[in-house]
C-alpha atoms as a PDB file:
ATOM      1  CA  MET A   1     -20.014  12.960 -47.484  1.00  0.00           C
ATOM      2  CA  ARG A   2     -20.374  12.484 -43.757  1.00  0.00           C
ATOM      3  CA  SER A   3     -22.317  15.124 -42.219  1.00  0.00           C
ATOM      4  CA  TRP A   4     -20.758  16.611 -38.760  1.00  0.00           C
ATOM      5  CA  LYS A   5     -23.643  15.027 -36.918  1.00  0.00           C
ATOM      6  CA  ASP A   6     -22.274  11.395 -38.303  1.00  0.00           C
ATOM      7  CA  SER A   7     -18.970  12.763 -37.093  1.00  0.00           C
ATOM      8  CA  ILE A   8     -19.939  13.392 -33.745  1.00  0.00           C
ATOM      9  CA  VAL A   9     -22.256  10.250 -33.423  1.00  0.00           C
ATOM     10  CA  LEU A  10     -19.206   8.023 -34.463  1.00  0.00           C
ATOM     11  CA  SER A  11     -16.846   9.588 -32.356  1.00  0.00           C
ATOM     12  CA  VAL A  12     -18.965   9.247 -29.313  1.00  0.00           C
ATOM     13  CA  THR A  13     -19.698   5.537 -30.213  1.00  0.00           C
ATOM     14  CA  LEU A  14     -16.037   4.730 -30.389  1.00  0.00           C
ATOM     15  CA  LEU A  15     -15.554   6.367 -26.943  1.00  0.00           C
ATOM     16  CA  ILE A  16     -18.098   4.102 -25.819  1.00  0.00           C
ATOM     17  CA  LEU A  17     -16.551   0.927 -27.350  1.00  0.00           C
ATOM     18  CA  LEU A  18     -13.078   2.128 -25.781  1.00  0.00           C
ATOM     19  CA  GLY A  19     -14.694   2.861 -22.756  1.00  0.00           C
ATOM     20  CA  GLY A  20     -16.213  -0.537 -22.295  1.00  0.00           C
ATOM     21  CA  CYS A  21     -12.828  -2.259 -22.437  1.00  0.00           C
ATOM     22  CA  ALA A  22     -11.294  -0.134 -19.697  1.00  0.00           C
ATOM     23  CA  THR A  23     -10.580  -2.934 -17.087  1.00  0.00           C
ATOM     24  CA  ARG A  24      -8.851  -2.877 -13.559  1.00  0.00           C
ATOM     25  CA  PRO A  25      -5.521  -4.624 -12.978  1.00  0.00           C
ATOM     26  CA  VAL A  26      -6.449  -7.994 -11.638  1.00  0.00           C
ATOM     27  CA  ASN A  27      -3.588  -9.167  -8.704  1.00  0.00           C
ATOM     28  CA  PRO A  28      -2.943 -12.773  -9.460  1.00  0.00           C
ATOM     29  CA  PRO A  29      -2.881 -15.697  -7.293  1.00  0.00           C
ATOM     30  CA  ILE A  30      -0.456 -17.967  -5.250  1.00  0.00           C
ATOM     31  CA  ILE A  31      -0.870 -21.428  -6.499  1.00  0.00           C
ATOM     32  CA  ARG A  32       0.442 -23.091  -3.457  1.00  0.00           C
ATOM     33  CA  TYR A  33       1.325 -21.505  -0.311  1.00  0.00           C
ATOM     34  CA  ASP A  34       4.724 -22.068   1.009  1.00  0.00           C
ATOM     35  CA  PRO A  35       5.238 -21.715   4.965  1.00  0.00           C
ATOM     36  CA  GLN A  36       8.696 -21.957   4.580  1.00  0.00           C
ATOM     37  CA  GLN A  37       9.388 -18.941   2.616  1.00  0.00           C
ATOM     38  CA  LEU A  38      11.650 -16.283   3.783  1.00  0.00           C
ATOM     39  CA  SER A  39       9.109 -13.223   5.430  1.00  0.00           C
ATOM     40  CA  PRO A  40      10.225  -9.979   4.943  1.00  0.00           C
ATOM     41  CA  PHE A  41      10.502  -9.966   9.169  1.00  0.00           C
ATOM     42  CA  ASP A  42      13.363 -12.503   8.731  1.00  0.00           C
ATOM     43  CA  ARG A  43      15.074 -10.382   6.279  1.00  0.00           C
ATOM     44  CA  LEU A  44      14.572  -7.295   8.237  1.00  0.00           C
ATOM     45  CA  ASP A  45      16.215  -9.311  11.509  1.00  0.00           C
ATOM     46  CA  GLY A  46      19.189 -10.375   9.232  1.00  0.00           C
ATOM     47  CA  ASN A  47      19.579  -6.738   7.761  1.00  0.00           C
ATOM     48  CA  ARG A  48      19.993  -5.395  11.428  1.00  0.00           C
ATOM     49  CA  GLY A  49      23.247  -7.180  12.261  1.00  0.00           C
ATOM     50  CA  GLY A  50      21.995  -8.206  15.533  1.00  0.00           C
ATOM     51  CA  ARG A  51      21.148  -5.393  16.801  1.00  0.00           C
ATOM     52  CA  GLN A  52      18.205  -5.685  19.917  1.00  0.00           C
ATOM     53  CA  ASP A  53      16.468  -2.323  18.745  1.00  0.00           C
ATOM     54  CA  MET A  54      14.435  -1.306  16.078  1.00  0.00           C
ATOM     55  CA  VAL A  55      13.776   2.040  14.316  1.00  0.00           C
ATOM     56  CA  ILE A  56      10.302   2.332  13.253  1.00  0.00           C
ATOM     57  CA  LEU A  57       8.951   5.648  11.377  1.00  0.00           C
ATOM     58  CA  ALA A  58       5.025   5.952  11.171  1.00  0.00           C
ATOM     59  CA  PHE A  59       3.990   8.583   8.516  1.00  0.00           C
ATOM     60  CA  SER A  60       0.501   9.140   9.047  1.00  0.00           C
ATOM     61  CA  GLY A  61      -2.398  10.576   6.565  1.00  0.00           C
ATOM     62  CA  GLY A  62      -3.493  13.935   6.037  1.00  0.00           C
ATOM     63  CA  GLY A  63      -3.156  14.637   2.615  1.00  0.00           C
ATOM     64  CA  MET A  64      -0.145  16.255   0.517  1.00  0.00           C
ATOM     65  CA  ARG A  65       0.783  17.692   4.366  1.00  0.00           C
ATOM     66  CA  ALA A  66       1.389  14.493   5.604  1.00  0.00           C
ATOM     67  CA  ALA A  67       3.416  13.539   2.475  1.00  0.00           C
ATOM     68  CA  ALA A  68       5.437  16.852   3.046  1.00  0.00           C
ATOM     69  CA  PHE A  69       6.209  16.516   6.648  1.00  0.00           C
ATOM     70  CA  SER A  70       7.117  12.902   6.367  1.00  0.00           C
ATOM     71  CA  TYR A  71       9.445  13.895   3.620  1.00  0.00           C
ATOM     72  CA  GLY A  72      10.661  16.740   5.789  1.00  0.00           C
ATOM     73  CA  THR A  73      11.564  14.045   8.629  1.00  0.00           C
ATOM     74  CA  LEU A  74      13.568  11.887   6.480  1.00  0.00           C
ATOM     75  CA  GLU A  75      15.775  15.119   5.237  1.00  0.00           C
ATOM     76  CA  THR A  76      16.514  15.560   8.624  1.00  0.00           C
ATOM     77  CA  LEU A  77      17.488  12.147   9.807  1.00  0.00           C
ATOM     78  CA  PRO A  78      20.787  12.005   8.004  1.00  0.00           C
ATOM     79  CA  ARG A  79      22.106  15.288   9.938  1.00  0.00           C
ATOM     80  CA  ILE A  80      21.126  13.309  13.196  1.00  0.00           C
ATOM     81  CA  GLU A  81      24.446  11.302  14.565  1.00  0.00           C
ATOM     82  CA  VAL A  82      23.444   8.690  17.282  1.00  0.00           C
ATOM     83  CA  THR A  83      26.340   6.431  18.912  1.00  0.00           C
ATOM     84  CA  THR A  84      25.764   2.451  19.042  1.00  0.00           C
ATOM     85  CA  THR A  85      26.333   0.199  21.587  1.00  0.00           C
ATOM     86  CA  SER A  86      29.601  -0.599  19.877  1.00  0.00           C
ATOM     87  CA  GLY A  87      30.691   3.159  20.035  1.00  0.00           C
ATOM     88  CA  LYS A  88      30.243   3.872  16.421  1.00  0.00           C
ATOM     89  CA  LYS A  89      28.764   7.138  15.262  1.00  0.00           C
ATOM     90  CA  VAL A  90      26.208   6.719  12.382  1.00  0.00           C
ATOM     91  CA  ARG A  91      23.435   8.688  10.534  1.00  0.00           C
ATOM     92  CA  LEU A  92      20.089   7.823  12.426  1.00  0.00           C
ATOM     93  CA  LEU A  93      18.634   7.497   8.902  1.00  0.00           C
ATOM     94  CA  ASP A  94      20.750   4.680   8.130  1.00  0.00           C
ATOM     95  CA  GLU A  95      19.320   2.875  11.584  1.00  0.00           C
ATOM     96  CA  VAL A  96      15.676   3.200  10.073  1.00  0.00           C
ATOM     97  CA  ASP A  97      14.325  -0.585   9.871  1.00  0.00           C
ATOM     98  CA  LEU A  98      11.010   0.010   9.091  1.00  0.00           C
ATOM     99  CA  ILE A  99       8.663   2.672   8.005  1.00  0.00           C
ATOM    100  CA  THR A 100       4.764   2.227   7.902  1.00  0.00           C
ATOM    101  CA  GLY A 101       2.803   4.662   5.577  1.00  0.00           C
ATOM    102  CA  VAL A 102      -1.019   5.848   5.548  1.00  0.00           C
ATOM    103  CA  SER A 103      -2.783   7.969   3.285  1.00  0.00           C
ATOM    104  CA  GLY A 104      -0.667  10.636   2.473  1.00  0.00           C
ATOM    105  CA  GLY A 105       2.447   9.406   4.269  1.00  0.00           C
ATOM    106  CA  SER A 106       2.146   6.140   1.833  1.00  0.00           C
ATOM    107  CA  PHE A 107       3.573   8.179  -0.755  1.00  0.00           C
ATOM    108  CA  THR A 108       6.656   9.189   0.773  1.00  0.00           C
ATOM    109  CA  ALA A 109       7.008   5.591   2.485  1.00  0.00           C
ATOM    110  CA  LEU A 110       6.820   4.046  -0.706  1.00  0.00           C
ATOM    111  CA  ALA A 111       8.830   6.529  -2.561  1.00  0.00           C
ATOM    112  CA  TYR A 112      11.525   6.263  -0.096  1.00  0.00           C
ATOM    113  CA  GLY A 113      11.662   2.449  -0.250  1.00  0.00           C
ATOM    114  CA  LEU A 114      11.765   2.740  -3.885  1.00  0.00           C
ATOM    115  CA  TYR A 115      14.411   5.534  -4.483  1.00  0.00           C
ATOM    116  CA  GLY A 116      16.292   5.620  -1.157  1.00  0.00           C
ATOM    117  CA  GLU A 117      18.106   8.765  -0.662  1.00  0.00           C
ATOM    118  CA  HIS A 118      17.955   9.656  -4.536  1.00  0.00           C
ATOM    119  CA  LEU A 119      14.612  10.783  -3.768  1.00  0.00           C
ATOM    120  CA  PHE A 120      15.753  13.787  -1.857  1.00  0.00           C
ATOM    121  CA  ASP A 121      16.909  15.148  -5.561  1.00  0.00           C
ATOM    122  CA  PHE A 122      13.226  15.531  -7.061  1.00  0.00           C
ATOM    123  CA  TYR A 123      10.423  14.414  -4.771  1.00  0.00           C
ATOM    124  CA  GLU A 124       9.921  18.129  -3.708  1.00  0.00           C
ATOM    125  CA  ASP A 125       9.812  19.501  -7.415  1.00  0.00           C
ATOM    126  CA  ARG A 126       7.965  16.716  -8.656  1.00  0.00           C
ATOM    127  CA  PHE A 127       5.321  15.746  -5.918  1.00  0.00           C
ATOM    128  CA  LEU A 128       5.123  17.774  -3.268  1.00  0.00           C
ATOM    129  CA  LYS A 129       5.080  21.419  -5.386  1.00  0.00           C
ATOM    130  CA  ARG A 130       3.271  19.904  -7.875  1.00  0.00           C
ATOM    131  CA  ASN A 131      -0.738  20.426  -8.427  1.00  0.00           C
ATOM    132  CA  VAL A 132      -1.377  16.975  -8.319  1.00  0.00           C
ATOM    133  CA  GLN A 133      -5.123  17.509  -6.625  1.00  0.00           C
ATOM    134  CA  GLY A 134      -5.748  19.771 -10.025  1.00  0.00           C
ATOM    135  CA  GLN A 135      -4.423  17.311 -12.679  1.00  0.00           C
ATOM    136  CA  LEU A 136      -6.259  14.465 -11.126  1.00  0.00           C
ATOM    137  CA  ILE A 137      -9.567  16.639 -11.052  1.00  0.00           C
ATOM    138  CA  ALA A 138      -8.883  17.573 -14.872  1.00  0.00           C
ATOM    139  CA  ARG A 139      -8.590  14.188 -15.978  1.00  0.00           C
ATOM    140  CA  ILE A 140     -11.524  13.151 -14.160  1.00  0.00           C
ATOM    141  CA  LEU A 141     -13.367  16.055 -15.816  1.00  0.00           C
ATOM    142  CA  ASN A 142     -12.002  15.165 -19.328  1.00  0.00           C
ATOM    143  CA  PRO A 143     -14.989  13.992 -21.723  1.00  0.00           C
ATOM    144  CA  ALA A 144     -12.202  11.631 -23.340  1.00  0.00           C
ATOM    145  CA  ASN A 145     -12.205   9.683 -19.679  1.00  0.00           C
ATOM    146  CA  TRP A 146     -15.617   9.486 -19.270  1.00  0.00           C
ATOM    147  CA  PRO A 147     -16.408   6.173 -21.016  1.00  0.00           C
ATOM    148  CA  ALA A 148     -13.927   4.537 -18.957  1.00  0.00           C
ATOM    149  CA  LEU A 149     -15.437   5.909 -15.935  1.00  0.00           C
ATOM    150  CA  ALA A 150     -18.854   4.689 -16.910  1.00  0.00           C
ATOM    151  CA  SER A 151     -17.512   1.122 -16.758  1.00  0.00           C
ATOM    152  CA  ALA A 152     -18.107  -1.151 -13.390  1.00  0.00           C
ATOM    153  CA  ARG A 153     -14.207  -2.134 -13.945  1.00  0.00           C
ATOM    154  CA  TRP A 154     -12.750   1.406 -13.884  1.00  0.00           C
ATOM    155  CA  SER A 155     -12.845   3.909 -11.463  1.00  0.00           C
ATOM    156  CA  ARG A 156     -11.669   7.596 -10.578  1.00  0.00           C
ATOM    157  CA  SER A 157      -9.022   5.654  -8.432  1.00  0.00           C
ATOM    158  CA  GLU A 158      -7.649   4.103 -11.432  1.00  0.00           C
ATOM    159  CA  ILE A 159      -7.318   7.434 -13.179  1.00  0.00           C
ATOM    160  CA  ALA A 160      -5.423   8.682  -9.733  1.00  0.00           C
ATOM    161  CA  ALA A 161      -3.056   5.384  -9.882  1.00  0.00           C
ATOM    162  CA  LYS A 162      -2.126   6.015 -13.350  1.00  0.00           C
ATOM    163  CA  LEU A 163      -1.413   9.717 -12.482  1.00  0.00           C
ATOM    164  CA  TYR A 164       0.487   8.689  -9.854  1.00  0.00           C
ATOM    165  CA  ASP A 165       3.003   6.273 -11.706  1.00  0.00           C
ATOM    166  CA  GLU A 166       3.473   8.798 -14.456  1.00  0.00           C
ATOM    167  CA  VAL A 167       4.864  11.705 -12.085  1.00  0.00           C
ATOM    168  CA  LEU A 168       6.223   9.353  -9.028  1.00  0.00           C
ATOM    169  CA  PHE A 169       6.340   5.686  -9.139  1.00  0.00           C
ATOM    170  CA  ASN A 170       7.166   4.757 -12.965  1.00  0.00           C
ATOM    171  CA  ASN A 171       5.212   1.633 -13.009  1.00  0.00           C
ATOM    172  CA  ALA A 172       7.297   0.026 -10.088  1.00  0.00           C
ATOM    173  CA  THR A 173       5.839  -3.034  -8.402  1.00  0.00           C
ATOM    174  CA  PHE A 174       6.249  -4.373  -4.799  1.00  0.00           C
ATOM    175  CA  ALA A 175       8.634  -7.113  -6.378  1.00  0.00           C
ATOM    176  CA  GLU A 176      11.081  -3.990  -7.528  1.00  0.00           C
ATOM    177  CA  LEU A 177      10.817  -2.587  -4.116  1.00  0.00           C
ATOM    178  CA  GLU A 178      11.400  -5.888  -2.136  1.00  0.00           C
ATOM    179  CA  ASP A 179      14.942  -5.927  -4.498  1.00  0.00           C
ATOM    180  CA  LYS A 180      16.103  -2.469  -2.950  1.00  0.00           C
ATOM    181  CA  GLY A 181      17.238  -4.041   0.211  1.00  0.00           C
ATOM    182  CA  GLY A 182      16.431  -1.231   2.269  1.00  0.00           C
ATOM    183  CA  PRO A 183      14.146  -0.393   4.932  1.00  0.00           C
ATOM    184  CA  MET A 184      10.955  -2.519   5.097  1.00  0.00           C
ATOM    185  CA  ILE A 185       7.962  -0.811   4.171  1.00  0.00           C
ATOM    186  CA  ALA A 186       4.203  -1.428   5.434  1.00  0.00           C
ATOM    187  CA  VAL A 187       1.610   0.875   4.003  1.00  0.00           C
ATOM    188  CA  SER A 188      -2.233   0.214   4.637  1.00  0.00           C
ATOM    189  CA  ALA A 189      -5.575   0.708   3.616  1.00  0.00           C
ATOM    190  CA  THR A 190      -9.359  -0.258   4.961  1.00  0.00           C
ATOM    191  CA  GLU A 191     -11.187  -3.143   3.476  1.00  0.00           C
ATOM    192  CA  LEU A 192     -14.835  -1.004   3.196  1.00  0.00           C
ATOM    193  CA  THR A 193     -17.060  -3.910   3.845  1.00  0.00           C
ATOM    194  CA  THR A 194     -15.467  -5.202   6.870  1.00  0.00           C
ATOM    195  CA  GLY A 195     -13.367  -1.903   8.333  1.00  0.00           C
ATOM    196  CA  SER A 196     -10.140  -4.551   8.463  1.00  0.00           C
ATOM    197  CA  ARG A 197      -6.842  -3.378   7.891  1.00  0.00           C
ATOM    198  CA  ILE A 198      -5.070  -4.464   4.925  1.00  0.00           C
ATOM    199  CA  VAL A 199      -1.210  -4.027   4.771  1.00  0.00           C
ATOM    200  CA  PHE A 200       0.693  -4.264   1.518  1.00  0.00           C
ATOM    201  CA  LEU A 201       2.964  -7.068   3.016  1.00  0.00           C
ATOM    202  CA  GLN A 202       3.331 -10.670   1.319  1.00  0.00           C
ATOM    203  CA  GLN A 203       2.255 -11.809   4.530  1.00  0.00           C
ATOM    204  CA  ASN A 204      -1.149 -10.519   4.529  1.00  0.00           C
ATOM    205  CA  PHE A 205      -1.227 -10.960   0.816  1.00  0.00           C
ATOM    206  CA  ASP A 206      -0.573 -14.791   1.954  1.00  0.00           C
ATOM    207  CA  VAL A 207      -4.073 -14.928   3.899  1.00  0.00           C
ATOM    208  CA  MET A 208      -5.766 -14.156   0.562  1.00  0.00           C
ATOM    209  CA  CYS A 209      -3.729 -16.358  -1.286  1.00  0.00           C
ATOM    210  CA  ALA A 210      -2.748 -13.514  -3.408  1.00  0.00           C
ATOM    211  CA  ASP A 211       0.739 -12.391  -5.203  1.00  0.00           C
ATOM    212  CA  LEU A 212       1.560  -8.920  -4.020  1.00  0.00           C
ATOM    213  CA  GLY A 213       5.182  -9.061  -6.051  1.00  0.00           C
ATOM    214  CA  PRO A 214       3.211  -7.682  -9.318  1.00  0.00           C
ATOM    215  CA  VAL A 215       1.119  -5.125  -8.095  1.00  0.00           C
ATOM    216  CA  LYS A 216       1.769  -1.499  -8.548  1.00  0.00           C
ATOM    217  CA  LEU A 217       2.838   0.682  -5.795  1.00  0.00           C
ATOM    218  CA  SER A 218       0.720   3.355  -7.680  1.00  0.00           C
ATOM    219  CA  ARG A 219      -2.467   1.211  -6.768  1.00  0.00           C
ATOM    220  CA  ALA A 220      -1.211   0.651  -2.953  1.00  0.00           C
ATOM    221  CA  ALA A 221      -0.853   4.365  -2.875  1.00  0.00           C
ATOM    222  CA  ALA A 222      -4.222   5.264  -4.223  1.00  0.00           C
ATOM    223  CA  ALA A 223      -5.804   2.686  -2.484  1.00  0.00           C
ATOM    224  CA  SER A 224      -4.269   4.130   1.229  1.00  0.00           C
ATOM    225  CA  SER A 225      -5.331   7.513   0.263  1.00  0.00           C
ATOM    226  CA  ALA A 226      -8.315   6.841  -1.440  1.00  0.00           C
ATOM    227  CA  VAL A 227     -11.159   9.242   0.718  1.00  0.00           C
ATOM    228  CA  PRO A 228     -14.273   7.748   0.993  1.00  0.00           C
ATOM    229  CA  VAL A 229     -17.054   9.393  -1.613  1.00  0.00           C
ATOM    230  CA  ALA A 230     -14.125  11.706  -3.267  1.00  0.00           C
ATOM    231  CA  LEU A 231     -12.431   8.935  -4.542  1.00  0.00           C
ATOM    232  CA  ALA A 232     -13.689   5.493  -5.471  1.00  0.00           C
ATOM    233  CA  PRO A 233     -12.488   2.239  -3.798  1.00  0.00           C
ATOM    234  CA  ILE A 234      -9.482   0.412  -5.058  1.00  0.00           C
ATOM    235  CA  THR A 235     -10.248  -3.455  -5.978  1.00  0.00           C
ATOM    236  CA  ILE A 236      -8.273  -6.294  -5.690  1.00  0.00           C
ATOM    237  CA  ASN A 237      -9.100 -10.103  -5.950  1.00  0.00           C
ATOM    238  CA  ASN A 238      -9.215 -12.123  -3.097  1.00  0.00           C
ATOM    239  CA  TYR A 239      -8.343 -15.873  -3.511  1.00  0.00           C
ATOM    240  CA  GLY A 240      -8.561 -16.958   0.179  1.00  0.00           C
ATOM    241  CA  GLY A 241      -8.987 -20.517   1.010  1.00  0.00           C
ATOM    242  CA  THR A 242      -7.415 -21.844  -2.459  1.00  0.00           C
ATOM    243  CA  CYS A 243      -3.812 -21.772  -1.794  1.00  0.00           C
ATOM    244  CA  GLY A 244      -3.636 -24.034   1.439  1.00  0.00           C
ATOM    245  CA  TYR A 245      -2.758 -21.207   3.653  1.00  0.00           C
ATOM    246  CA  GLU A 246      -2.749 -22.212   7.039  1.00  0.00           C
ATOM    247  CA  GLU A 247      -2.085 -19.734  10.191  1.00  0.00           C
ATOM    248  CA  PRO A 248       1.540 -20.137  11.724  1.00  0.00           C
ATOM    249  CA  GLU A 249       1.675 -22.188  15.209  1.00  0.00           C
ATOM    250  CA  TRP A 250       2.460 -19.099  17.092  1.00  0.00           C
ATOM    251  CA  SER A 251      -0.795 -17.795  16.706  1.00  0.00           C
ATOM    252  CA  HIS A 252      -2.631 -20.735  18.127  1.00  0.00           C
ATOM    253  CA  ALA A 253      -0.594 -20.738  21.187  1.00  0.00           C
ATOM    254  CA  LEU A 254      -1.126 -16.998  21.327  1.00  0.00           C
ATOM    255  CA  ALA A 255      -4.918 -17.727  21.028  1.00  0.00           C
ATOM    256  CA  GLN A 256      -4.506 -19.645  24.046  1.00  0.00           C
ATOM    257  CA  SER A 257      -2.804 -17.071  26.358  1.00  0.00           C
ATOM    258  CA  ASP A 258      -3.853 -14.848  28.932  1.00  0.00           C
ATOM    259  CA  ARG A 259      -6.193 -12.072  26.821  1.00  0.00           C
ATOM    260  CA  ALA A 260      -5.585  -9.501  29.709  1.00  0.00           C
ATOM    261  CA  GLN A 261      -2.259  -8.819  28.817  1.00  0.00           C
ATOM    262  CA  ARG A 262      -2.863  -5.605  26.402  1.00  0.00           C
ATOM    263  CA  SER A 263       0.127  -6.777  23.810  1.00  0.00           C
ATOM    264  CA  ALA A 264      -1.470 -10.254  23.309  1.00  0.00           C
ATOM    265  CA  SER A 265      -5.199  -8.763  22.976  1.00  0.00           C
ATOM    266  CA  ARG A 266      -4.112  -6.287  20.080  1.00  0.00           C
ATOM    267  CA  ILE A 267      -2.413  -9.293  18.551  1.00  0.00           C
ATOM    268  CA  LEU A 268      -5.506 -11.535  18.858  1.00  0.00           C
ATOM    269  CA  ASN A 269      -7.699  -8.578  17.436  1.00  0.00           C
ATOM    270  CA  ARG A 270      -5.381  -8.443  14.235  1.00  0.00           C
ATOM    271  CA  LEU A 271      -5.735 -12.358  13.855  1.00  0.00           C
ATOM    272  CA  ALA A 272      -9.591 -11.734  14.129  1.00  0.00           C
ATOM    273  CA  ASP A 273      -9.584  -9.263  11.316  1.00  0.00           C
ATOM    274  CA  LEU A 274      -7.474 -11.813   9.006  1.00  0.00           C
ATOM    275  CA  ARG A 275      -9.972 -14.511   9.356  1.00  0.00           C
ATOM    276  CA  GLU A 276     -12.391 -12.291   8.145  1.00  0.00           C
ATOM    277  CA  ILE A 277     -10.782 -12.281   4.937  1.00  0.00           C
ATOM    278  CA  VAL A 278      -9.825 -15.465   3.982  1.00  0.00           C
ATOM    279  CA  ASP A 279     -13.049 -17.096   1.933  1.00  0.00           C
ATOM    280  CA  ALA A 280     -12.952 -16.249  -1.395  1.00  0.00           C
ATOM    281  CA  GLN A 281     -16.169 -17.486  -1.786  1.00  0.00           C
ATOM    282  CA  GLN A 282     -17.754 -15.034   0.561  1.00  0.00           C
ATOM    283  CA  ASN A 283     -15.498 -12.051  -0.216  1.00  0.00           C
ATOM    284  CA  PRO A 284     -13.922 -12.866  -3.798  1.00  0.00           C
ATOM    285  CA  TYR A 285     -13.217  -8.935  -4.241  1.00  0.00           C
ATOM    286  CA  PHE A 286     -11.739  -6.388  -1.427  1.00  0.00           C
ATOM    287  CA  HIS A 287     -12.694  -2.968  -2.076  1.00  0.00           C
ATOM    288  CA  LEU A 288      -9.773  -0.713  -0.437  1.00  0.00           C
ATOM    289  CA  VAL A 289     -10.452   3.069   0.846  1.00  0.00           C
ATOM    290  CA  ASP A 290      -8.010   5.217   2.832  1.00  0.00           C
ATOM    291  CA  GLY A 291      -5.806   3.679   5.782  1.00  0.00           C
ATOM    292  CA  GLY A 292      -6.795   6.433   7.702  1.00  0.00           C
ATOM    293  CA  VAL A 293     -10.490   4.886   8.108  1.00  0.00           C
ATOM    294  CA  SER A 294      -8.494   2.001  10.135  1.00  0.00           C
ATOM    295  CA  ASP A 295      -5.767   3.445  11.563  1.00  0.00           C
ATOM    296  CA  ASN A 296      -4.723   7.379  10.704  1.00  0.00           C
ATOM    297  CA  LEU A 297      -1.484   7.037  12.610  1.00  0.00           C
ATOM    298  CA  GLY A 298       0.114   3.944  10.887  1.00  0.00           C
ATOM    299  CA  LEU A 299       0.911   2.445  14.416  1.00  0.00           C
ATOM    300  CA  LYS A 300      -1.583  -0.490  14.750  1.00  0.00           C
ATOM    301  CA  GLY A 301       1.036  -2.865  12.962  1.00  0.00           C
ATOM    302  CA  ARG A 302       4.328  -2.007  14.835  1.00  0.00           C
ATOM    303  CA  ALA A 303       3.993  -4.612  17.315  1.00  0.00           C
ATOM    304  CA  ARG A 304       7.296  -6.851  16.906  1.00  0.00           C
ATOM    305  CA  LEU A 305       5.663  -9.834  17.637  1.00  0.00           C
ATOM    306  CA  HIS A 306       2.867  -9.552  15.453  1.00  0.00           C
ATOM    307  CA  ARG A 307       4.485 -11.047  12.400  1.00  0.00           C
ATOM    308  CA  HIS A 308       1.183 -10.939  10.005  1.00  0.00           C
ATOM    309  CA  ILE A 309       0.976  -7.008  10.576  1.00  0.00           C
END
């Protein structure tokens, strides 16, 4: 008959073996880059119906307070009416074209993009009033998760992403977000090694020859809110240089322009950031942390001319 000590040893051994199998989701590569593909910016132009103006919401970082503040903004916009150039009165919420999100603000941005106004039915109770931080700490301290956490292929942020799926995103991906047809959503994180801003848009992922479509929204939110030290980075694969990606012609023309122009200088600085992540041989993996490290206001990607924000 097996003793209780043998049972404990067996249980611990099984946990260790299961933990060794824990691995992060791997974002897939693009086999061949298509420069003629329709970009989100092209779709954005089409959705605007020829309007010359653009309405942008920037949801900044700041933890759950930022998520709550940005949600309050969305709740208010349907009650504000504006008059279009044709004299038609519309709700201001219906005029929103682009929402950027960083850290805490990324949850509201992604959730609104996924659920639209249905978000108003449950977001407050399911997420804002929930002790998400307490639940995350409890899972990290749960001995059943320790073997997985000991694996080099798993981290506290992966546990966080799983929790975000359960309470908010329901395993939705960026492909599903794209199909919703609402405002363009652009959430960002910071690449830990270079300090570059990584935006979860397909154009940004084109540079690294990676397909954004199958990536879960929960991992983007986890990356954008992964406060250094408190949470581990979210790791993604970089395949840059393997799919035939080339910078668009407009970027070459811009690089030869007068850098004294403030707007051009910002775009050129962003192009320099992107060039740092192209080579997969030098940087096969990117480690993403809180987007607030590089841009806590979510404003750096707002320039309309910069088509690779």
